[in-house]
């Protein structure tokens, strides 16, 4: 057993040292195979812009967003159909325990329509009002949304809030009624609600059951037919919007970006506009929804940049990433989130204050709604 542990440690060190390149092994923890990389890169990076669709699923809490996302993943072949597929995109423990989405999650999917492969970049968003900032960030990378409404409960508070959020961002809205399989479902009544409140033509409303998989192909075809391709340029200078990030203990800060212009390759030098710090791109990947490493990301794609960034302070949600050699005008970014809940946090042992601060800064990296300030005036001890 000790020899197995030592082999794993040795393998992990070598994988990190080599930057995950030139290895002919499968990294099953991240569903990574270098032998598949070139094929996947052709499938995604070479797809014309006119066959790319970026969209989010928005809805009131418990109206079936994650279930619909599961069926979409199955229909596009990203995961195998199984009764065990539940909340595939929900990674956090609290999301699975409570059956709600807290963090927006993305997946790059291929769907064949009329003999052509389309790249569908799906972002599943939270429905609870407390996490509405996740929705607004996600919409910045989209050209349209699926407005999902429970055919039994009808239009709810967050349905209205999310509709106007998408409407205010000039996004195309595809209305979809879910849970039509329920005994008390009344899709005609809810479709009339949508017409009254949002001036949506009932003829444009799709009726599905995400639980049973009914109408999923119609939803994907509507995404292709109704949504425009992204307004991007592949021949111009590289520019990307950083709309999410997280900290990996082995690889440092991971930046989830929407590439608006140009392309980025492994080995390129990039600059984060807000901090004006330069980095070498060590790894690039797409989420499918498992992580798959690629050699480049091009305009219209959503992917992850790893550049050995070790400090969580160096990544700012809404920042613009560009090549160091070609400065660009920064993107609009996001409005600062106004804190609504405040708490003073003390370490049990004051000698652990630095570790506590580091841990909370990593939390803030993953959630731009968290802001941190240090209070040294407390009579008890230094607190965050």
Protein backbone atom coordinates (compact mmCIF):
# COMPACT_ATOMS: atom_id res chain seq x y z
CA UNK A 1 0.00 0.00 0.00
CA UNK A 2 2.86 2.40 0.79
CA UNK A 3 4.37 1.78 -2.62
CA UNK A 4 1.04 2.67 -4.25
CA UNK A 5 0.85 5.93 -2.28
CA UNK A 6 4.42 6.83 -3.24
CA UNK A 7 3.64 6.11 -6.90
CA UNK A 8 0.59 8.38 -6.79
CA UNK A 9 2.58 11.18 -5.15
CA UNK A 10 5.37 10.79 -7.72
CA UNK A 11 2.87 10.78 -10.61
CA UNK A 12 1.06 13.89 -9.35
CA UNK A 13 4.35 15.80 -8.94
CA UNK A 14 5.42 14.89 -12.45
CA UNK A 15 2.06 15.82 -13.92
CA UNK A 16 2.20 19.23 -12.28
CA UNK A 17 5.87 19.75 -13.21
CA UNK A 18 5.21 18.99 -16.87
CA UNK A 19 2.14 21.19 -16.95
CA UNK A 20 -0.07 18.23 -17.91
CA UNK A 21 1.47 18.16 -21.39
CA UNK A 22 3.14 15.38 -23.36
CA UNK A 23 1.73 12.72 -21.07
CA UNK A 24 0.16 9.66 -22.69
CA UNK A 25 -1.86 8.67 -19.68
CA UNK A 26 -5.42 9.21 -18.57
CA UNK A 27 -5.97 11.57 -15.66
CA UNK A 28 -9.29 10.10 -14.61
CA UNK A 29 -9.73 12.47 -11.66
CA UNK A 30 -10.28 15.23 -14.24
CA UNK A 31 -11.48 12.91 -17.06
CA UNK A 32 -8.42 13.92 -19.04
CA UNK A 33 -6.77 12.03 -21.86
CA UNK A 34 -4.06 13.66 -23.97
CA UNK A 35 -4.76 11.23 -26.81
CA UNK A 36 -8.24 12.73 -27.12
CA UNK A 37 -7.14 16.36 -26.91
CA UNK A 38 -6.41 16.97 -30.61
CA UNK A 39 -9.73 15.46 -31.68
CA UNK A 40 -11.66 17.51 -29.14
CA UNK A 41 -9.76 20.63 -30.11
CA UNK A 42 -10.78 20.21 -33.74
CA UNK A 43 -14.38 19.56 -32.77
CA UNK A 44 -14.63 22.76 -30.74
CA UNK A 45 -12.05 25.34 -31.83
CA UNK A 46 -12.67 24.77 -35.55
CA UNK A 47 -16.44 25.18 -35.39
CA UNK A 48 -17.46 28.34 -37.31
CA UNK A 49 -18.77 31.25 -35.26
CA UNK A 50 -22.16 31.01 -36.95
CA UNK A 51 -22.60 27.54 -35.43
CA UNK A 52 -21.95 28.60 -31.82
CA UNK A 53 -24.71 29.36 -29.31
CA UNK A 54 -24.10 30.65 -25.77
CA UNK A 55 -27.11 30.47 -23.46
CA UNK A 56 -28.22 30.19 -19.84
CA UNK A 57 -31.12 28.49 -18.14
CA UNK A 58 -32.90 30.90 -15.78
CA UNK A 59 -35.91 30.24 -13.57
CA UNK A 60 -37.45 30.51 -10.13
CA UNK A 61 -36.02 28.09 -7.56
CA UNK A 62 -37.19 24.47 -7.95
CA UNK A 63 -38.68 24.96 -11.42
CA UNK A 64 -36.38 22.30 -12.89
CA UNK A 65 -33.26 24.08 -14.20
CA UNK A 66 -30.76 21.44 -13.08
CA UNK A 67 -33.00 18.62 -14.28
CA UNK A 68 -33.28 20.24 -17.69
CA UNK A 69 -29.51 20.69 -17.75
CA UNK A 70 -29.11 16.96 -16.99
CA UNK A 71 -31.39 16.03 -19.92
CA UNK A 72 -29.54 18.42 -22.24
CA UNK A 73 -26.23 16.80 -21.28
CA UNK A 74 -27.71 13.37 -22.01
CA UNK A 75 -29.28 14.42 -25.32
CA UNK A 76 -26.03 15.93 -26.60
CA UNK A 77 -24.06 12.84 -25.55
CA UNK A 78 -21.96 14.62 -22.90
CA UNK A 79 -23.06 12.01 -20.35
CA UNK A 80 -24.70 8.62 -20.73
CA UNK A 81 -28.45 8.46 -20.01
CA UNK A 82 -28.95 7.06 -16.53
CA UNK A 83 -31.49 7.25 -13.74
CA UNK A 84 -28.57 8.25 -11.52
CA UNK A 85 -28.02 11.51 -13.39
CA UNK A 86 -29.25 14.14 -10.97
CA UNK A 87 -27.77 17.62 -10.57
CA UNK A 88 -24.74 16.68 -12.66
CA UNK A 89 -23.57 20.31 -12.86
CA UNK A 90 -24.09 20.94 -9.13
CA UNK A 91 -20.70 20.24 -7.55
CA UNK A 92 -21.00 21.75 -4.07
CA UNK A 93 -22.06 19.59 -1.14
CA UNK A 94 -24.72 22.08 -0.09
CA UNK A 95 -26.20 22.01 -3.61
CA UNK A 96 -26.65 18.25 -3.52
CA UNK A 97 -27.88 18.17 0.06
CA UNK A 98 -30.53 20.84 -0.43
CA UNK A 99 -31.33 20.25 -4.10
CA UNK A 100 -30.62 23.85 -5.12
CA UNK A 101 -28.06 25.49 -7.37
CA UNK A 102 -25.75 27.97 -5.64
CA UNK A 103 -22.92 28.38 -8.18
CA UNK A 104 -23.44 28.85 -11.90
CA UNK A 105 -21.83 26.00 -13.86
CA UNK A 106 -21.01 25.73 -17.54
CA UNK A 107 -20.68 22.97 -20.11
CA UNK A 108 -19.56 23.03 -23.75
CA UNK A 109 -21.68 20.62 -25.78
CA UNK A 110 -21.84 19.40 -29.38
CA UNK A 111 -25.24 18.90 -31.00
CA UNK A 112 -25.81 17.75 -34.57
CA UNK A 113 -28.61 19.59 -36.33
CA UNK A 114 -29.41 19.06 -40.01
CA UNK A 115 -26.06 17.35 -40.55
CA UNK A 116 -23.94 20.12 -38.97
CA UNK A 117 -22.28 20.15 -35.54
CA UNK A 118 -23.19 23.09 -33.32
CA UNK A 119 -21.27 24.16 -30.24
CA UNK A 120 -23.71 24.89 -27.42
CA UNK A 121 -22.18 26.60 -24.40
CA UNK A 122 -24.67 26.04 -21.57
CA UNK A 123 -24.59 27.88 -18.25
CA UNK A 124 -26.87 26.57 -15.51
CA UNK A 125 -27.71 29.33 -13.03
CA UNK A 126 -29.12 29.50 -9.48
CA UNK A 127 -32.80 30.27 -8.99
CA UNK A 128 -32.71 31.52 -5.41
CA UNK A 129 -32.82 35.30 -5.00
CA UNK A 130 -29.76 35.23 -2.70
CA UNK A 131 -27.56 34.12 -5.59
CA UNK A 132 -28.90 36.45 -8.29
CA UNK A 133 -25.41 37.91 -8.78
CA UNK A 134 -24.40 34.53 -10.23
CA UNK A 135 -27.16 34.92 -12.83
CA UNK A 136 -26.11 38.43 -13.88
CA UNK A 137 -22.48 37.32 -14.30
CA UNK A 138 -23.50 34.32 -16.38
CA UNK A 139 -25.66 36.39 -18.73
CA UNK A 140 -22.62 38.47 -19.70
CA UNK A 141 -21.33 35.48 -21.67
CA UNK A 142 -24.65 34.69 -23.37
CA UNK A 143 -26.70 35.81 -26.34
CA UNK A 144 -29.92 34.24 -25.11
CA UNK A 145 -31.67 32.42 -22.28
CA UNK A 146 -34.15 29.65 -21.67
CA UNK A 147 -36.79 31.07 -19.33
CA UNK A 148 -38.04 27.95 -17.55
CA UNK A 149 -41.40 28.08 -15.78
CA UNK A 150 -43.19 25.39 -13.77
CA UNK A 151 -46.44 24.50 -15.58
CA UNK A 152 -48.04 23.85 -12.20
CA UNK A 153 -46.82 26.79 -10.07
CA UNK A 154 -46.74 29.34 -12.87
CA UNK A 155 -44.82 32.61 -12.85
CA UNK A 156 -43.07 33.31 -9.52
CA UNK A 157 -41.00 36.17 -8.09
CA UNK A 158 -37.64 35.10 -9.51
CA UNK A 159 -39.26 34.35 -12.86
CA UNK A 160 -40.11 38.04 -13.10
CA UNK A 161 -36.72 39.20 -11.78
CA UNK A 162 -34.77 36.94 -14.15
CA UNK A 163 -36.92 37.88 -17.14
CA UNK A 164 -36.18 41.58 -16.69
CA UNK A 165 -32.51 40.83 -16.03
CA UNK A 166 -32.29 39.06 -19.41
CA UNK A 167 -34.49 41.68 -21.07
CA UNK A 168 -32.28 44.46 -19.73
CA UNK A 169 -29.23 42.76 -21.29
CA UNK A 170 -30.94 42.59 -24.71
CA UNK A 171 -30.92 38.79 -24.72
CA UNK A 172 -33.24 36.59 -26.77
CA UNK A 173 -35.67 34.79 -24.45
CA UNK A 174 -36.97 31.29 -25.18
CA UNK A 175 -40.00 30.57 -22.93
CA UNK A 176 -40.28 26.93 -21.83
CA UNK A 177 -42.93 25.35 -19.60
CA UNK A 178 -41.64 22.44 -17.54
CA UNK A 179 -43.32 19.67 -15.54
CA UNK A 180 -46.21 19.20 -17.96
CA UNK A 181 -46.35 15.59 -16.75
CA UNK A 182 -47.69 16.64 -13.35
CA UNK A 183 -51.34 15.89 -12.64
CA UNK A 184 -52.20 19.50 -11.79
CA UNK A 185 -50.12 21.07 -14.57
CA UNK A 186 -51.97 23.70 -16.59
CA UNK A 187 -49.60 24.84 -19.37
CA UNK A 188 -52.26 26.85 -21.19
CA UNK A 189 -52.96 28.95 -18.08
CA UNK A 190 -49.25 29.58 -17.48
CA UNK A 191 -48.68 30.43 -21.15
CA UNK A 192 -51.44 33.03 -20.78
CA UNK A 193 -49.61 34.39 -17.71
CA UNK A 194 -46.46 34.82 -19.79
CA UNK A 195 -48.42 36.68 -22.44
CA UNK A 196 -50.05 38.99 -19.88
CA UNK A 197 -46.89 39.76 -17.89
CA UNK A 198 -44.16 39.68 -20.55
CA UNK A 199 -46.02 40.01 -23.87
CA UNK A 200 -44.78 36.55 -24.95
CA UNK A 201 -46.72 34.93 -27.78
CA UNK A 202 -48.20 31.62 -26.48
CA UNK A 203 -47.32 30.04 -29.84
CA UNK A 204 -43.62 30.53 -29.05
CA UNK A 205 -43.84 28.74 -25.69
CA UNK A 206 -42.34 25.25 -25.61
CA UNK A 207 -43.86 22.59 -23.36
CA UNK A 208 -41.60 19.92 -21.88
CA UNK A 209 -41.04 17.47 -19.08
CA UNK A 210 -37.38 17.58 -18.07
CA UNK A 211 -37.96 14.65 -15.71
CA UNK A 212 -39.21 12.37 -18.51
CA UNK A 213 -37.05 13.89 -21.25
CA UNK A 214 -40.06 15.04 -23.28
CA UNK A 215 -39.41 17.92 -25.70
CA UNK A 216 -35.65 18.25 -25.10
CA UNK A 217 -34.78 18.06 -28.80
CA UNK A 218 -37.29 20.84 -29.49
CA UNK A 219 -35.57 23.01 -26.87
CA UNK A 220 -32.13 22.48 -28.45
CA UNK A 221 -33.49 23.20 -31.92
CA UNK A 222 -35.08 26.41 -30.61
CA UNK A 223 -31.69 27.43 -29.18
CA UNK A 224 -30.12 26.95 -32.61
CA UNK A 225 -32.93 28.61 -34.60
CA UNK A 226 -33.84 31.52 -32.32
CA UNK A 227 -30.54 32.57 -30.75
CA UNK A 228 -27.91 34.50 -32.71
CA UNK A 229 -24.26 33.43 -32.79
CA UNK A 230 -21.88 35.43 -30.57
CA UNK A 231 -20.70 38.81 -31.87
CA UNK A 232 -16.99 38.01 -31.87
CA UNK A 233 -13.96 38.34 -34.14
CA UNK A 234 -11.37 35.60 -34.45
CA UNK A 235 -8.93 37.66 -36.54
CA UNK A 236 -8.52 40.48 -34.01
CA UNK A 237 -6.43 40.76 -30.83
CA UNK A 238 -7.20 38.32 -28.02
CA UNK A 239 -9.60 39.65 -25.40
CA UNK A 240 -11.58 37.64 -22.85
CA UNK A 241 -13.97 38.37 -20.00
CA UNK A 242 -13.20 36.69 -16.67
CA UNK A 243 -16.64 35.85 -15.25
CA UNK A 244 -15.78 33.19 -12.67
CA UNK A 245 -12.74 31.77 -10.88
CA UNK A 246 -11.75 29.29 -8.20
CA UNK A 247 -8.66 28.11 -6.39
CA UNK A 248 -7.01 24.73 -7.00
CA UNK A 249 -4.47 23.66 -4.41
CA UNK A 250 -2.17 22.24 -7.08
CA UNK A 251 -2.67 24.63 -10.00
CA UNK A 252 -3.49 27.88 -8.23
CA UNK A 253 -6.17 30.27 -9.47
CA UNK A 254 -8.30 28.99 -12.35
CA UNK A 255 -9.99 31.63 -14.53
CA UNK A 256 -13.23 30.84 -16.37
CA UNK A 257 -13.37 33.19 -19.34
CA UNK A 258 -15.57 34.00 -22.31
CA UNK A 259 -13.31 34.64 -25.31
CA UNK A 260 -14.70 37.66 -27.15
CA UNK A 261 -11.95 38.20 -29.73
CA UNK A 262 -8.93 36.42 -31.14
CA UNK A 263 -7.46 33.24 -29.72
CA UNK A 264 -5.14 32.14 -26.93
CA UNK A 265 -2.64 29.27 -27.02
CA UNK A 266 -0.76 27.35 -24.37
CA UNK A 267 2.55 29.15 -23.84
CA UNK A 268 1.25 32.63 -24.68
CA UNK A 269 1.84 35.48 -22.26
CA UNK A 270 -1.30 37.20 -20.99
CA UNK A 271 -2.03 40.26 -18.86
CA UNK A 272 -4.88 40.73 -16.41
CA UNK A 273 -5.96 44.32 -17.01
CA UNK A 274 -7.04 45.17 -13.45
CA UNK A 275 -3.74 44.22 -11.78
CA UNK A 276 -1.54 44.74 -14.85
CA UNK A 277 0.31 41.51 -14.00
CA UNK A 278 1.69 39.20 -16.65
CA UNK A 279 1.54 35.40 -16.74
CA UNK A 280 2.44 32.54 -19.03
CA UNK A 281 -0.50 30.31 -19.96
CA UNK A 282 0.32 26.86 -18.60
CA UNK A 283 -2.92 25.07 -19.41
CA UNK A 284 -6.18 25.66 -21.23
CA UNK A 285 -9.31 23.59 -20.85
CA UNK A 286 -13.00 23.41 -21.61
CA UNK A 287 -15.73 21.98 -19.39
CA UNK A 288 -17.71 19.23 -21.06
CA UNK A 289 -18.87 19.24 -18.20
CA UNK A 290 -15.76 17.38 -17.03
CA UNK A 291 -12.52 19.21 -17.65
CA UNK A 292 -10.81 18.45 -20.98
CA UNK A 293 -7.47 20.08 -21.76
CA UNK A 294 -6.95 21.77 -25.14
CA UNK A 295 -4.16 23.62 -26.92
CA UNK A 296 -6.10 26.79 -27.69
CA UNK A 297 -9.29 28.73 -27.07
CA UNK A 298 -10.85 30.84 -29.82
CA UNK A 299 -13.43 33.63 -29.96
CA UNK A 300 -16.90 32.41 -29.02
CA UNK A 301 -15.67 29.70 -26.65
CA UNK A 302 -15.96 29.48 -22.88
CA UNK A 303 -12.94 27.90 -21.21
CA UNK A 304 -10.51 27.85 -18.32
CA UNK A 305 -7.11 29.55 -18.23
CA UNK A 306 -4.45 28.25 -15.83
CA UNK A 307 -1.36 30.44 -15.61
CA UNK A 308 0.18 29.45 -12.28
CA UNK A 309 -1.44 32.39 -10.50
CA UNK A 310 -0.81 31.70 -6.82
CA UNK A 311 -2.51 34.63 -5.10
CA UNK A 312 -6.29 34.88 -4.98
CA UNK A 313 -5.97 38.69 -4.92
CA UNK A 314 -4.72 38.73 -8.51
CA UNK A 315 -8.00 37.57 -10.10
CA UNK A 316 -10.94 39.97 -10.21
CA UNK A 317 -14.36 38.91 -11.50
CA UNK A 318 -15.20 41.06 -14.50
CA UNK A 319 -11.54 41.64 -15.41
CA UNK A 320 -10.28 41.68 -18.99
CA UNK A 321 -7.58 39.21 -20.05
CA UNK A 322 -5.45 40.04 -23.08
CA UNK A 323 -2.11 39.12 -24.62
CA UNK A 324 0.76 41.03 -23.09
CA UNK A 325 2.06 42.05 -26.51
CA UNK A 326 -1.27 43.58 -27.64
CA UNK A 327 -2.99 45.93 -25.14
CA UNK A 328 -6.75 46.31 -25.64
CA UNK A 329 -9.63 48.39 -24.36
CA UNK A 330 -11.06 46.74 -21.22
CA UNK A 331 -14.49 45.16 -21.26
CA UNK A 332 -17.39 46.60 -19.30
CA UNK A 333 -17.13 44.22 -16.33
CA UNK A 334 -19.75 43.96 -13.58
CA UNK A 335 -21.38 46.25 -11.05
CA UNK A 336 -20.07 45.77 -7.50
CA UNK A 337 -22.36 43.65 -5.33
CA UNK A 338 -23.80 45.40 -2.28
CA UNK A 339 -23.30 43.30 0.88
CA UNK A 340 -26.53 42.46 2.72
CA UNK A 341 -25.27 40.12 5.49
CA UNK A 342 -22.34 40.95 7.79
CA UNK A 343 -20.40 38.75 10.19
CA UNK A 344 -17.30 39.08 12.38
CA UNK A 345 -15.12 35.97 12.23
CA UNK A 346 -12.37 35.12 14.73
CA UNK A 347 -9.94 32.20 14.64
CA UNK A 348 -10.00 30.01 17.77
CA UNK A 349 -6.24 30.50 17.97
CA UNK A 350 -5.04 34.02 17.05
CA UNK A 351 -1.85 32.53 15.64
CA UNK A 352 -4.06 31.08 12.86
CA UNK A 353 -5.32 34.50 11.78
CA UNK A 354 -3.19 34.51 8.61
CA UNK A 355 -4.47 31.05 7.62
CA UNK A 356 -8.07 32.11 8.23
CA UNK A 357 -7.57 35.22 6.13
CA UNK A 358 -6.06 33.18 3.30
CA UNK A 359 -8.97 30.72 3.39
CA UNK A 360 -11.59 33.48 3.26
CA UNK A 361 -9.76 35.22 0.40
CA UNK A 362 -9.98 31.97 -1.58
CA UNK A 363 -13.71 31.86 -0.81
CA UNK A 364 -14.06 35.43 -2.07
CA UNK A 365 -12.23 34.44 -5.25
CA UNK A 366 -14.98 31.93 -6.00
CA UNK A 367 -17.80 34.28 -4.99
CA UNK A 368 -17.56 37.95 -5.94
CA UNK A 369 -20.47 38.72 -3.58
CA UNK A 370 -18.14 38.14 -0.60
CA UNK A 371 -16.18 41.20 0.51
CA UNK A 372 -13.52 41.22 3.24
CA UNK A 373 -12.26 43.86 5.63
CA UNK A 374 -9.98 43.52 8.64
CA UNK A 375 -11.06 45.02 11.96
CA UNK A 376 -8.19 45.59 14.41
CA UNK A 377 -10.26 47.71 16.79
CA UNK A 378 -12.06 44.78 18.38
CA UNK A 379 -11.35 44.27 22.08
CA UNK A 380 -11.43 40.52 21.64
CA UNK A 381 -8.94 40.07 18.83
CA UNK A 382 -8.25 40.88 15.21
CA UNK A 383 -11.24 39.74 13.16
CA UNK A 384 -12.37 39.48 9.56
